[in-house]
N, C-alpha and C. Protein backbone atom coordinates (compact mmCIF):
# COMPACT_ATOMS: atom_id res chain seq x y z
N MET A 1 -40.90 -37.64 70.06
CA MET A 1 -39.93 -38.70 69.84
C MET A 1 -40.60 -39.89 69.15
N VAL A 2 -41.82 -40.24 69.53
CA VAL A 2 -42.52 -41.36 68.93
C VAL A 2 -42.85 -41.08 67.47
N GLU A 3 -43.28 -39.87 67.19
CA GLU A 3 -43.59 -39.50 65.81
C GLU A 3 -42.35 -39.58 64.93
N PHE A 4 -41.23 -39.14 65.49
CA PHE A 4 -39.98 -39.21 64.74
C PHE A 4 -39.58 -40.65 64.46
N SER A 5 -39.70 -41.53 65.43
CA SER A 5 -39.32 -42.93 65.23
C SER A 5 -40.25 -43.63 64.26
N VAL A 6 -41.48 -43.19 64.14
CA VAL A 6 -42.41 -43.78 63.18
C VAL A 6 -42.14 -43.26 61.77
N SER A 7 -41.82 -41.97 61.66
CA SER A 7 -41.63 -41.38 60.34
C SER A 7 -40.22 -41.56 59.78
N LEU A 8 -39.23 -41.87 60.62
CA LEU A 8 -37.85 -42.01 60.15
C LEU A 8 -37.68 -43.11 59.10
N PRO A 9 -38.22 -44.33 59.27
CA PRO A 9 -38.05 -45.35 58.23
C PRO A 9 -38.64 -44.93 56.88
N VAL A 10 -39.78 -44.27 56.91
CA VAL A 10 -40.39 -43.80 55.67
C VAL A 10 -39.52 -42.75 55.01
N LEU A 11 -38.99 -41.84 55.79
CA LEU A 11 -38.11 -40.79 55.26
C LEU A 11 -36.83 -41.38 54.68
N LEU A 12 -36.23 -42.33 55.38
CA LEU A 12 -35.02 -42.97 54.87
C LEU A 12 -35.28 -43.76 53.59
N LEU A 13 -36.41 -44.45 53.54
CA LEU A 13 -36.77 -45.18 52.33
C LEU A 13 -36.95 -44.22 51.15
N LEU A 14 -37.54 -43.09 51.39
CA LEU A 14 -37.73 -42.08 50.35
C LEU A 14 -36.39 -41.53 49.86
N ILE A 15 -35.49 -41.23 50.77
CA ILE A 15 -34.17 -40.70 50.38
C ILE A 15 -33.37 -41.73 49.62
N VAL A 16 -33.34 -42.97 50.09
CA VAL A 16 -32.60 -44.03 49.41
C VAL A 16 -33.22 -44.33 48.05
N GLY A 17 -34.55 -44.26 47.96
CA GLY A 17 -35.22 -44.45 46.67
C GLY A 17 -34.83 -43.38 45.67
N ILE A 18 -34.72 -42.16 46.13
CA ILE A 18 -34.29 -41.07 45.24
C ILE A 18 -32.88 -41.32 44.73
N ILE A 19 -32.01 -41.79 45.60
CA ILE A 19 -30.63 -42.07 45.21
C ILE A 19 -30.58 -43.21 44.19
N GLU A 20 -31.34 -44.29 44.43
CA GLU A 20 -31.34 -45.43 43.51
C GLU A 20 -31.87 -45.04 42.13
N PHE A 21 -32.97 -44.29 42.09
CA PHE A 21 -33.52 -43.89 40.80
C PHE A 21 -32.64 -42.85 40.11
N SER A 22 -31.85 -42.11 40.87
CA SER A 22 -30.87 -41.21 40.27
C SER A 22 -29.75 -42.00 39.61
N ARG A 23 -29.33 -43.09 40.24
CA ARG A 23 -28.34 -43.97 39.61
C ARG A 23 -28.88 -44.55 38.31
N LEU A 24 -30.14 -44.94 38.34
CA LEU A 24 -30.79 -45.50 37.15
C LEU A 24 -30.86 -44.45 36.04
N GLY A 25 -31.23 -43.23 36.39
CA GLY A 25 -31.29 -42.15 35.41
C GLY A 25 -29.92 -41.79 34.86
N GLY A 26 -28.89 -41.81 35.70
CA GLY A 26 -27.53 -41.54 35.24
C GLY A 26 -27.05 -42.60 34.25
N ALA A 27 -27.35 -43.85 34.54
CA ALA A 27 -26.98 -44.92 33.61
C ALA A 27 -27.73 -44.77 32.29
N LEU A 28 -29.00 -44.36 32.35
CA LEU A 28 -29.77 -44.14 31.12
C LEU A 28 -29.17 -43.03 30.28
N LEU A 29 -28.75 -41.95 30.90
CA LEU A 29 -28.11 -40.86 30.17
C LEU A 29 -26.81 -41.31 29.51
N MET A 30 -26.01 -42.09 30.24
CA MET A 30 -24.74 -42.56 29.68
C MET A 30 -24.96 -43.53 28.52
N VAL A 31 -25.96 -44.39 28.64
CA VAL A 31 -26.26 -45.34 27.56
C VAL A 31 -26.74 -44.59 26.32
N ASN A 32 -27.59 -43.58 26.51
CA ASN A 32 -28.04 -42.78 25.37
C ASN A 32 -26.88 -42.04 24.71
N TYR A 33 -25.97 -41.52 25.52
CA TYR A 33 -24.80 -40.83 24.97
C TYR A 33 -23.91 -41.82 24.20
N GLY A 34 -23.72 -43.02 24.73
CA GLY A 34 -22.93 -44.03 24.03
C GLY A 34 -23.55 -44.42 22.70
N ALA A 35 -24.88 -44.56 22.67
CA ALA A 35 -25.57 -44.90 21.42
C ALA A 35 -25.42 -43.77 20.41
N ARG A 36 -25.49 -42.53 20.87
CA ARG A 36 -25.34 -41.39 19.96
C ARG A 36 -23.93 -41.33 19.38
N GLU A 37 -22.93 -41.53 20.21
CA GLU A 37 -21.55 -41.50 19.72
C GLU A 37 -21.26 -42.68 18.79
N GLY A 38 -21.82 -43.84 19.11
CA GLY A 38 -21.64 -44.99 18.23
C GLY A 38 -22.30 -44.79 16.88
N ALA A 39 -23.51 -44.25 16.88
CA ALA A 39 -24.22 -43.99 15.62
C ALA A 39 -23.52 -42.91 14.81
N ARG A 40 -22.91 -41.95 15.50
CA ARG A 40 -22.21 -40.87 14.79
C ARG A 40 -21.03 -41.40 13.99
N ILE A 41 -20.21 -42.26 14.60
CA ILE A 41 -19.08 -42.77 13.82
C ILE A 41 -19.51 -43.88 12.86
N ALA A 42 -20.63 -44.55 13.15
CA ALA A 42 -21.16 -45.53 12.19
C ALA A 42 -21.63 -44.81 10.94
N ALA A 43 -22.20 -43.61 11.10
CA ALA A 43 -22.65 -42.83 9.95
C ALA A 43 -21.48 -42.33 9.12
N LEU A 44 -20.31 -42.26 9.73
CA LEU A 44 -19.12 -41.83 8.99
C LEU A 44 -18.42 -42.99 8.31
N GLY A 45 -18.93 -44.21 8.47
CA GLY A 45 -18.40 -45.36 7.75
C GLY A 45 -17.46 -46.24 8.54
N ALA A 46 -17.46 -46.15 9.87
CA ALA A 46 -16.57 -46.98 10.69
C ALA A 46 -17.07 -48.42 10.72
N ASP A 47 -16.14 -49.34 11.00
CA ASP A 47 -16.53 -50.75 11.10
C ASP A 47 -17.08 -51.04 12.50
N ASP A 48 -17.60 -52.26 12.69
CA ASP A 48 -18.28 -52.62 13.93
C ASP A 48 -17.35 -52.55 15.14
N ALA A 49 -16.10 -52.97 14.98
CA ALA A 49 -15.16 -52.95 16.11
C ALA A 49 -14.89 -51.51 16.57
N ALA A 50 -14.78 -50.60 15.63
CA ALA A 50 -14.56 -49.19 15.98
C ALA A 50 -15.79 -48.59 16.64
N ILE A 51 -16.97 -49.00 16.19
CA ILE A 51 -18.21 -48.50 16.78
C ILE A 51 -18.33 -48.96 18.23
N ILE A 52 -18.07 -50.24 18.48
CA ILE A 52 -18.14 -50.78 19.84
C ILE A 52 -17.10 -50.13 20.74
N ALA A 53 -15.89 -49.90 20.20
CA ALA A 53 -14.85 -49.23 20.98
C ALA A 53 -15.26 -47.81 21.34
N GLN A 54 -15.89 -47.11 20.42
CA GLN A 54 -16.35 -45.74 20.69
C GLN A 54 -17.45 -45.72 21.74
N VAL A 55 -18.37 -46.69 21.67
CA VAL A 55 -19.43 -46.77 22.67
C VAL A 55 -18.83 -47.03 24.05
N LYS A 56 -17.88 -47.94 24.14
CA LYS A 56 -17.26 -48.25 25.43
C LYS A 56 -16.46 -47.06 25.96
N GLN A 57 -15.82 -46.32 25.06
CA GLN A 57 -15.08 -45.14 25.49
C GLN A 57 -16.03 -44.03 25.96
N SER A 58 -17.21 -43.94 25.36
CA SER A 58 -18.18 -42.91 25.73
C SER A 58 -18.89 -43.20 27.04
N THR A 59 -18.91 -44.45 27.44
CA THR A 59 -19.59 -44.85 28.68
C THR A 59 -18.56 -45.32 29.71
N LEU A 60 -17.62 -44.46 30.05
CA LEU A 60 -16.51 -44.83 30.92
C LEU A 60 -16.94 -45.25 32.32
N LEU A 61 -17.99 -44.67 32.86
CA LEU A 61 -18.40 -44.98 34.22
C LEU A 61 -19.18 -46.28 34.34
N LEU A 62 -19.54 -46.88 33.21
CA LEU A 62 -20.27 -48.15 33.23
C LEU A 62 -19.30 -49.31 33.03
N ASP A 63 -19.67 -50.49 33.50
CA ASP A 63 -18.84 -51.68 33.37
C ASP A 63 -18.93 -52.20 31.93
N ASP A 64 -17.78 -52.23 31.23
CA ASP A 64 -17.75 -52.64 29.83
C ASP A 64 -18.19 -54.09 29.62
N SER A 65 -17.96 -54.95 30.61
CA SER A 65 -18.30 -56.36 30.43
C SER A 65 -19.82 -56.58 30.43
N LYS A 66 -20.59 -55.65 30.99
CA LYS A 66 -22.04 -55.79 31.03
C LYS A 66 -22.73 -55.04 29.89
N LEU A 67 -21.99 -54.25 29.17
CA LEU A 67 -22.55 -53.42 28.10
C LEU A 67 -22.88 -54.28 26.89
N VAL A 68 -24.10 -54.14 26.35
CA VAL A 68 -24.53 -54.89 25.17
C VAL A 68 -24.74 -53.88 24.04
N VAL A 69 -23.99 -54.05 22.94
CA VAL A 69 -24.08 -53.14 21.80
C VAL A 69 -24.58 -53.93 20.60
N ASP A 70 -25.64 -53.42 19.97
CA ASP A 70 -26.22 -54.05 18.79
C ASP A 70 -26.20 -53.03 17.65
N ILE A 71 -25.64 -53.43 16.52
CA ILE A 71 -25.53 -52.55 15.35
C ILE A 71 -26.36 -53.15 14.23
N ASP A 72 -27.25 -52.34 13.65
CA ASP A 72 -28.12 -52.83 12.59
C ASP A 72 -28.06 -51.86 11.42
N PRO A 73 -27.69 -52.26 10.25
CA PRO A 73 -27.32 -53.60 9.81
C PRO A 73 -25.88 -53.93 10.19
N ALA A 74 -25.65 -55.19 10.43
CA ALA A 74 -24.32 -55.64 10.86
C ALA A 74 -23.38 -55.85 9.68
N VAL A 75 -23.90 -55.87 8.48
CA VAL A 75 -23.08 -56.07 7.29
C VAL A 75 -22.55 -54.73 6.82
N GLN A 76 -21.87 -54.74 5.70
CA GLN A 76 -21.32 -53.51 5.13
C GLN A 76 -22.44 -52.50 4.88
N ARG A 77 -22.25 -51.30 5.37
CA ARG A 77 -23.26 -50.25 5.22
C ARG A 77 -22.90 -49.36 4.03
N THR A 78 -23.91 -48.99 3.26
CA THR A 78 -23.68 -48.16 2.07
C THR A 78 -24.20 -46.75 2.32
N SER A 79 -23.84 -45.85 1.46
CA SER A 79 -24.25 -44.46 1.58
C SER A 79 -25.76 -44.33 1.47
N SER A 80 -26.31 -43.39 2.21
CA SER A 80 -27.74 -43.08 2.29
C SER A 80 -28.58 -44.25 2.85
N GLN A 81 -27.95 -45.15 3.57
CA GLN A 81 -28.64 -46.23 4.27
C GLN A 81 -28.65 -45.89 5.76
N ASN A 82 -29.70 -46.24 6.47
CA ASN A 82 -29.78 -45.97 7.90
C ASN A 82 -29.00 -47.02 8.69
N VAL A 83 -28.34 -46.58 9.75
CA VAL A 83 -27.66 -47.48 10.67
C VAL A 83 -28.17 -47.16 12.08
N SER A 84 -28.50 -48.21 12.82
CA SER A 84 -29.00 -48.06 14.19
C SER A 84 -28.02 -48.68 15.16
N VAL A 85 -27.75 -47.98 16.23
CA VAL A 85 -26.91 -48.49 17.30
C VAL A 85 -27.76 -48.53 18.57
N THR A 86 -27.88 -49.72 19.14
CA THR A 86 -28.64 -49.92 20.37
C THR A 86 -27.68 -50.36 21.47
N VAL A 87 -27.73 -49.67 22.59
CA VAL A 87 -26.86 -49.98 23.73
C VAL A 87 -27.76 -50.32 24.91
N GLN A 88 -27.46 -51.45 25.57
CA GLN A 88 -28.21 -51.88 26.74
C GLN A 88 -27.26 -52.10 27.90
N TYR A 89 -27.74 -51.82 29.11
CA TYR A 89 -26.91 -51.99 30.30
C TYR A 89 -27.80 -52.35 31.50
N PRO A 90 -27.42 -53.39 32.25
CA PRO A 90 -28.21 -53.75 33.43
C PRO A 90 -27.77 -52.95 34.66
N VAL A 91 -28.72 -52.36 35.35
CA VAL A 91 -28.43 -51.62 36.58
C VAL A 91 -28.98 -52.42 37.75
N GLU A 92 -28.11 -52.75 38.68
CA GLU A 92 -28.51 -53.50 39.86
C GLU A 92 -29.13 -52.54 40.87
N ILE A 93 -30.33 -52.87 41.33
CA ILE A 93 -30.99 -52.10 42.38
C ILE A 93 -30.61 -52.73 43.71
N ASN A 94 -29.99 -51.97 44.60
CA ASN A 94 -29.41 -52.53 45.83
C ASN A 94 -30.34 -52.52 47.03
N ILE A 95 -31.40 -51.77 46.99
CA ILE A 95 -32.30 -51.66 48.14
C ILE A 95 -33.36 -52.76 48.04
N PRO A 96 -33.50 -53.62 49.06
CA PRO A 96 -34.40 -54.78 48.96
C PRO A 96 -35.86 -54.44 48.66
N ILE A 97 -36.41 -53.42 49.27
CA ILE A 97 -37.82 -53.09 49.06
C ILE A 97 -38.04 -52.59 47.63
N ILE A 98 -37.17 -51.71 47.19
CA ILE A 98 -37.27 -51.19 45.82
C ILE A 98 -36.94 -52.29 44.82
N ASN A 99 -36.02 -53.17 45.19
CA ASN A 99 -35.64 -54.30 44.36
C ASN A 99 -36.85 -55.19 44.06
N ARG A 100 -37.68 -55.43 45.04
CA ARG A 100 -38.87 -56.26 44.83
C ARG A 100 -39.91 -55.57 43.95
N ILE A 101 -39.99 -54.26 44.05
CA ILE A 101 -40.97 -53.51 43.26
C ILE A 101 -40.55 -53.45 41.79
N THR A 102 -39.30 -53.08 41.53
CA THR A 102 -38.84 -52.85 40.15
C THR A 102 -38.24 -54.09 39.51
N GLY A 103 -37.75 -55.03 40.30
CA GLY A 103 -37.03 -56.17 39.75
C GLY A 103 -35.57 -55.79 39.52
N THR A 104 -34.72 -56.77 39.55
CA THR A 104 -33.31 -56.50 39.32
C THR A 104 -32.74 -57.57 38.42
N PRO A 105 -31.87 -57.34 37.52
CA PRO A 105 -31.40 -56.00 37.17
C PRO A 105 -32.44 -55.27 36.31
N LYS A 106 -32.39 -53.99 36.37
CA LYS A 106 -33.25 -53.14 35.54
C LYS A 106 -32.43 -52.72 34.33
N TRP A 107 -32.88 -53.12 33.13
CA TRP A 107 -32.14 -52.82 31.91
C TRP A 107 -32.49 -51.43 31.40
N VAL A 108 -31.47 -50.64 31.12
CA VAL A 108 -31.68 -49.35 30.48
C VAL A 108 -31.19 -49.47 29.04
N THR A 109 -31.91 -48.84 28.12
CA THR A 109 -31.63 -48.99 26.70
C THR A 109 -31.57 -47.62 26.03
N GLY A 110 -30.58 -47.47 25.18
CA GLY A 110 -30.48 -46.28 24.34
C GLY A 110 -30.34 -46.70 22.90
N CYS A 111 -31.07 -46.07 22.00
CA CYS A 111 -31.03 -46.43 20.59
C CYS A 111 -31.03 -45.15 19.77
N LEU A 112 -30.20 -45.13 18.72
CA LEU A 112 -30.16 -43.98 17.83
C LEU A 112 -29.94 -44.45 16.41
N THR A 113 -30.61 -43.81 15.46
CA THR A 113 -30.49 -44.14 14.04
C THR A 113 -29.99 -42.93 13.30
N MET A 114 -28.99 -43.13 12.45
CA MET A 114 -28.46 -42.07 11.60
C MET A 114 -28.29 -42.60 10.19
N ARG A 115 -28.24 -41.68 9.25
CA ARG A 115 -28.03 -42.03 7.84
C ARG A 115 -26.53 -42.03 7.55
N VAL A 116 -26.07 -43.07 6.87
CA VAL A 116 -24.65 -43.21 6.53
C VAL A 116 -24.30 -42.15 5.48
N GLU A 117 -23.19 -41.49 5.70
CA GLU A 117 -22.73 -40.44 4.75
C GLU A 117 -22.19 -41.06 3.49
């Protein structure tokens, strides 16, 4: 019983840490997918508003108000020119011990570059 009471907090911290880092990894995957979808329609010649709308539609499980989308170049894009879409999102770490180690919010970033058709 004593061994269990000593090891239980460590075990719980490990399980909760796995859950928190899984949330972080899930947000990273969604941000990368949003950047890929945004770059895909940017390469087809869409304007900035359509690119941002596509990124927000691709990242449905994330909060749109916290999503940061950067498109480079922001001016009119011409054929055979590269366009980069960078998407950033802050993930709040809810566990106090892990929060002190990693800092909060932890920003996840996805960036993709494609050539304009």
